Protein backbone atom coordinates (compact mmCIF):
# COMPACT_ATOMS: atom_id res chain seq x y z
CA MET A 1 -2.49 -0.65 -7.60
CA THR A 2 -4.32 -3.82 -6.50
CA ASP A 3 -2.52 -5.69 -9.31
CA ILE A 4 0.83 -5.05 -7.70
CA LEU A 5 -0.49 -6.00 -4.22
CA THR A 6 -1.85 -9.23 -5.73
CA LEU A 7 1.56 -9.90 -7.32
CA VAL A 8 3.15 -9.44 -3.98
CA PHE A 9 0.79 -11.86 -2.24
CA ARG A 10 1.30 -14.45 -4.94
CA THR A 11 5.11 -14.02 -5.02
CA PHE A 12 5.39 -14.64 -1.28
CA SER A 13 2.62 -17.23 -1.04
CA SER A 14 3.20 -20.87 0.02
CA GLN A 15 4.06 -23.40 -2.70
CA THR A 16 1.05 -25.41 -1.55
CA SER A 17 -1.45 -22.69 -2.10
CA GLN A 18 0.05 -21.88 -5.63
CA LYS A 19 -0.34 -25.49 -6.60
CA GLN A 20 -3.92 -25.50 -5.55
CA ASP A 21 -4.76 -22.30 -7.38
CA PRO A 22 -4.09 -22.81 -11.18
CA SER A 23 -4.95 -19.14 -11.83
CA VAL A 24 -1.76 -17.91 -10.03
CA GLY A 25 0.22 -15.79 -12.37
CA PRO A 26 0.85 -12.21 -13.42
CA SER A 27 -2.24 -10.07 -12.86
CA PRO A 28 -3.63 -7.83 -15.49
CA PRO A 29 -3.30 -4.06 -14.93
CA SER A 30 -5.99 -2.93 -12.48
CA LEU A 31 -8.22 -0.01 -13.25
CA ARG A 32 -8.14 0.93 -9.58
CA CYS A 33 -4.82 2.79 -9.37
CA THR A 34 -5.14 4.12 -5.85
CA THR A 35 -5.12 1.82 -2.84
CA LEU A 36 -5.10 2.58 0.88
CA VAL A 37 -3.64 0.02 3.31
CA VAL A 38 -5.37 0.28 6.67
CA GLY A 39 -3.92 -1.50 9.74
CA GLU A 40 -1.08 -1.87 12.13
CA HIS A 41 1.90 0.29 11.07
CA ARG A 42 4.75 -2.31 11.53
CA LEU A 43 2.92 -4.77 9.20
CA SER A 44 1.71 -2.16 6.71
CA ARG A 45 5.17 -0.84 6.30
CA SER A 46 6.33 -4.28 5.51
CA VAL A 47 3.60 -4.68 2.95
CA LEU A 48 4.53 -1.35 1.33
CA LEU A 49 8.25 -2.37 1.20
CA LEU A 50 7.25 -5.66 -0.45
CA ALA A 51 5.18 -3.72 -3.03
CA ALA A 52 8.03 -1.30 -3.75
CA VAL A 53 10.72 -4.09 -4.23
CA THR A 54 8.40 -6.28 -6.19
CA ALA A 55 7.33 -3.46 -8.47
CA ALA A 56 10.92 -2.36 -9.10
CA SER A 57 12.57 -5.85 -9.34
CA GLU A 58 9.80 -7.83 -11.04
CA LEU A 59 8.05 -5.28 -13.12
CA GLY A 60 10.97 -2.92 -13.69
CA ILE A 61 9.06 0.28 -12.89
CA ARG A 62 10.32 3.33 -11.03
CA VAL A 63 9.07 3.84 -7.45
CA SER A 64 8.95 6.93 -5.25
CA PHE A 65 8.72 5.87 -1.58
CA PHE A 66 7.87 8.61 1.02
CA ALA A 67 8.19 7.92 4.77
CA GLN A 68 8.46 10.09 7.82
CA THR A 69 10.99 7.86 9.49
CA ARG A 70 14.00 6.23 7.83
CA ILE A 71 13.84 2.57 6.77
CA GLN A 72 16.33 0.72 8.77
CA SER A 73 16.07 -2.72 7.20
CA LEU A 74 14.12 -4.75 4.66
CA PRO A 75 11.62 -7.40 5.77
CA VAL A 76 13.37 -10.73 6.45
CA CYS A 77 11.50 -12.44 3.51
CA LEU A 78 13.14 -9.89 1.16
CA GLN A 79 16.60 -10.32 2.77
CA ARG A 80 16.27 -14.10 2.30
CA CYS A 81 15.58 -13.70 -1.46
CA SER A 82 17.98 -10.83 -2.12
CA ALA A 83 20.17 -13.12 -4.28
CA THR A 84 17.37 -13.50 -6.71
CA LEU A 85 16.38 -9.81 -6.80
CA ASN A 86 17.40 -7.80 -9.78
CA PRO A 87 19.96 -5.23 -8.41
CA GLU A 88 19.35 -2.88 -11.27
CA GLY A 89 15.61 -2.98 -10.47
CA LEU A 90 16.23 -2.02 -6.85
CA LYS A 91 17.98 1.08 -8.07
CA LYS A 92 14.69 2.19 -9.42
CA ILE A 93 13.35 2.92 -5.93
CA ALA A 94 13.85 6.52 -4.70
CA PHE A 95 13.34 6.93 -0.88
CA SER A 96 12.41 10.31 0.55
CA TYR A 97 11.89 11.33 4.19
CA PRO A 98 9.78 14.42 4.46
CA ARG A 99 9.29 15.35 8.19
CA THR A 100 6.10 17.30 7.87
CA LEU A 101 2.95 17.46 5.88
CA GLU A 102 4.23 20.60 4.11
CA GLU A 103 7.39 18.89 3.09
CA LEU A 104 5.47 15.91 1.82
CA LEU A 105 3.18 18.14 -0.28
CA GLN A 106 6.18 19.93 -1.75
CA GLN A 107 8.02 16.70 -2.73
CA VAL A 108 4.93 15.10 -4.25
CA ALA A 109 4.23 18.28 -6.24
CA SER A 110 7.81 18.22 -7.57
CA LEU A 111 7.50 14.73 -9.05
CA HIS A 112 6.26 16.17 -12.29
CA GLU A 113 9.63 17.75 -12.74
CA SER A 114 11.46 14.43 -12.73
CA PRO A 115 12.98 13.36 -16.07
CA SER A 116 12.27 9.77 -15.21
CA PRO A 117 8.79 9.90 -13.61
CA PRO A 118 7.77 7.11 -11.29
CA SER A 119 4.96 4.70 -12.07
CA LEU A 120 4.34 3.91 -8.42
CA ILE A 121 4.10 6.39 -5.60
CA ILE A 122 4.12 4.97 -2.05
CA VAL A 123 3.37 7.06 1.11
CA ASP A 124 4.05 5.25 4.37
CA GLY A 125 1.94 6.44 7.29
CA LEU A 126 -0.49 9.07 6.17
CA ASP A 127 -1.62 9.30 9.79
CA GLY A 128 1.82 10.48 10.84
CA PHE A 129 1.67 13.39 8.47
CA LEU A 130 -1.89 14.36 9.27
CA ARG A 131 -1.89 13.91 13.08
CA ASP A 132 -0.96 16.98 15.05
CA PRO A 133 2.02 16.05 17.24
CA VAL A 134 1.10 18.63 19.96
CA ALA A 135 -2.62 18.03 19.95
CA GLY A 136 -4.18 17.40 23.35
CA SER A 137 -7.50 16.23 22.22
CA HIS A 138 -8.62 12.65 22.98
CA ALA A 139 -8.99 11.83 19.26
CA GLY A 140 -5.48 13.04 18.45
CA PHE A 141 -6.56 15.13 15.47
CA HIS A 142 -7.18 18.87 15.42
CA SER A 143 -9.82 20.72 13.60
CA GLY A 144 -9.08 21.13 9.87
CA GLU A 145 -7.17 17.91 9.34
CA GLU A 146 -10.04 16.48 7.27
CA SER A 147 -9.31 19.24 4.78
CA CYS A 148 -5.55 18.43 4.98
CA ALA A 149 -6.32 14.82 4.27
CA ALA A 150 -8.45 15.92 1.23
CA HIS A 151 -5.72 18.21 0.03
CA LEU A 152 -3.02 15.58 0.18
CA SER A 153 -5.22 12.91 -1.38
CA ALA A 154 -6.24 15.26 -4.26
CA LEU A 155 -2.60 16.17 -4.83
CA LEU A 156 -1.60 12.47 -5.03
CA CYS A 157 -4.36 11.65 -7.36
CA ASP A 158 -3.75 14.69 -9.68
CA THR A 159 -0.02 13.91 -9.63
CA ALA A 160 -0.63 10.25 -10.68
CA ALA A 161 -3.02 11.42 -13.40
CA PHE A 162 -0.39 13.82 -14.79
CA LEU A 163 2.48 11.29 -14.64
CA THR A 164 0.23 8.70 -16.32
CA GLU A 165 -0.22 11.16 -19.23
CA VAL A 166 3.51 11.76 -19.40
CA LEU A 167 4.29 7.99 -19.43
CA GLU A 168 1.67 7.27 -22.10
CA GLN A 169 2.96 10.13 -24.27
CA ARG A 170 6.43 8.60 -24.10
CA GLY A 171 4.99 5.22 -25.11
CA SER A 172 6.06 3.67 -21.79
CA SER A 173 4.67 0.30 -20.80
CA SER A 174 4.97 1.48 -17.17
CA ALA A 175 1.74 3.48 -17.35
CA PRO A 176 -0.43 4.04 -15.47
CA CYS A 177 1.09 5.74 -12.42
CA ARG A 178 -0.28 4.02 -9.28
CA ILE A 179 -0.53 5.17 -5.69
CA ILE A 180 -0.48 3.11 -2.50
CA ALA A 181 -0.48 4.66 0.95
CA SER A 182 -0.92 3.38 4.52
CA PHE A 183 -3.09 4.66 7.34
CA LEU A 184 -3.27 3.68 11.01
CA LEU A 185 -6.72 3.96 12.57
CA ASN A 186 -6.76 6.24 15.56
CA VAL A 187 -9.45 4.46 17.59
CA ASP A 188 -9.88 2.30 20.61
CA SER A 189 -8.30 -1.07 19.85
CA GLU A 190 -11.39 -2.80 21.35
CA SER A 191 -13.74 -1.17 18.80
CA ARG A 192 -14.90 -3.64 16.09
CA ASP A 193 -16.44 -1.00 13.83
CA SER A 194 -13.44 1.30 13.87
CA SER A 195 -13.61 2.52 10.28
CA ALA A 196 -16.92 4.20 10.89
CA THR A 197 -15.48 6.29 13.79
CA ASP A 198 -12.40 7.83 12.12
CA PRO A 199 -13.31 11.01 10.22
CA ILE A 200 -9.96 11.03 8.40
CA LEU A 201 -10.52 7.55 6.96
CA VAL A 202 -14.00 8.68 5.61
CA VAL A 203 -12.18 11.49 3.73
CA LEU A 204 -9.46 9.27 2.37
CA ASP A 205 -11.99 6.66 1.15
CA ARG A 206 -13.39 9.34 -1.19
CA TYR A 207 -10.19 9.44 -3.11
CA PHE A 208 -8.75 5.96 -2.86
CA GLN A 209 -10.46 3.44 -5.10
CA ALA A 210 -9.50 0.35 -3.25
CA ARG A 211 -8.89 -0.62 0.38
CA CYS A 212 -6.47 -3.16 1.69
CA THR A 213 -7.55 -3.87 5.31
CA LEU A 214 -5.21 -5.72 7.73
CA ASP A 215 -7.08 -7.46 10.61
CA GLN A 216 -5.31 -9.69 13.09
CA ASP A 217 -6.77 -13.15 13.66
CA ARG A 218 -6.72 -13.72 17.45
CA SER A 219 -7.96 -17.25 17.27
CA TYR A 220 -5.72 -20.46 17.77
CA GLU A 221 -4.86 -20.59 14.06
CA ALA A 222 -1.50 -19.02 14.56
CA ALA A 223 -0.44 -21.59 17.09
CA ALA A 224 -1.74 -24.45 14.83
CA ALA A 225 0.25 -23.17 11.97
CA ALA A 226 3.43 -22.64 14.17
CA ALA A 227 3.19 -18.97 13.21
CA GLN A 228 3.69 -15.97 15.49
CA GLU A 229 0.71 -14.05 14.04
CA VAL A 230 -2.05 -14.58 11.49
CA TRP A 231 -3.62 -11.73 9.67
CA HIS A 232 -6.64 -11.44 7.39
CA ILE A 233 -6.09 -9.20 4.42
CA TYR A 234 -9.21 -7.89 2.71
CA LEU A 235 -8.91 -6.24 -0.69
CA SER A 236 -12.12 -4.33 -1.41
CA GLY A 237 -13.29 -1.50 -3.61
CA THR A 238 -16.22 -0.03 -5.38
CA LYS A 239 -16.46 -0.11 -9.20
CA SER A 240 -14.29 2.44 -10.99
CA PRO A 241 -15.84 4.58 -13.74
CA GLU A 242 -13.84 2.49 -16.31
CA ASP A 243 -15.26 -0.85 -15.12
CA CYS A 244 -17.84 -2.68 -17.12
CA GLU A 245 -21.31 -1.92 -15.98
CA ASP A 246 -22.08 -5.57 -15.03
CA GLY A 247 -18.49 -6.16 -13.63
CA PRO A 248 -18.11 -7.14 -9.98
CA ALA A 249 -16.74 -4.84 -7.25
CA LEU A 250 -13.29 -5.78 -5.94
CA ALA A 251 -13.45 -8.36 -3.23
CA GLN A 252 -10.57 -10.65 -2.39
CA GLU A 253 -9.33 -12.22 0.83
CA TRP A 254 -5.88 -13.43 1.80
CA LYS A 255 -4.24 -14.69 4.95
CA LEU A 256 -0.78 -13.54 6.08
CA PHE A 257 1.27 -15.82 8.42
CA THR A 258 4.21 -14.19 10.20
CA PHE A 259 6.78 -16.52 11.78
CA PRO A 260 9.15 -16.03 14.70
CA ASP A 261 12.11 -15.97 12.28
CA GLY A 262 10.59 -12.91 10.48
CA LEU A 263 9.37 -14.74 7.38
CA MET A 264 5.98 -13.86 5.98
CA GLU A 265 3.67 -16.14 3.90
CA PHE A 266 0.50 -15.23 2.12
CA LYS A 267 -2.40 -17.65 1.32
CA LEU A 268 -5.38 -16.98 -0.85
CA VAL A 269 -8.59 -17.73 0.97
């Protein structure tokens, strides 16, 4: 999945950064096919939508996009380039809006019945499905939700593995089936070591091979770049079983500039 995210970042990167980096180009398929985007929901949803549209339009693969709330509009940067997007590719995105965890589980489990299986499964806001809406605890999670997180993660991974076999048996170039999901940390915004305090994230990290962490830069760089916000994007992950023994772990950093007019620009650090 990190190959698609990297393609997104490069597609919407500045022309200056592309010229400075001669390696910019299509990324080879990644062995890490499950990625968790951790950060602010408004921004993570935009990243997921960019991934869905880029995968469908640029790579021509089918995408299943699950969200608890309806998508009202595409990010401005996608609207601006709508004329260059492949309309047939956009038809490859199927949006579903399960309201509860149970509905999400049922809809994910039914993907294996699809005559045209997806090569990318996206789940927007795992925390919304896992958080108890009537819980009164300070943490916002009730007992047993770690097991729910494990159940959902295992189902996603098993479904992707099954669909990968189906795609490979059909000789499809769209294999493997990838997964990307987003999660909002439920911690005090002042905490700097937030990932260590969220038990749900600890469970999710056992199943997702890579992490895409969104961290807002609160320095003066945004003002200097005439941007509304600046975000650090960290792609990280441990070695997968298929990696070469002496191969490096995944480690990559990008910066995301968001502008008052809604445009987004990525820059490789």
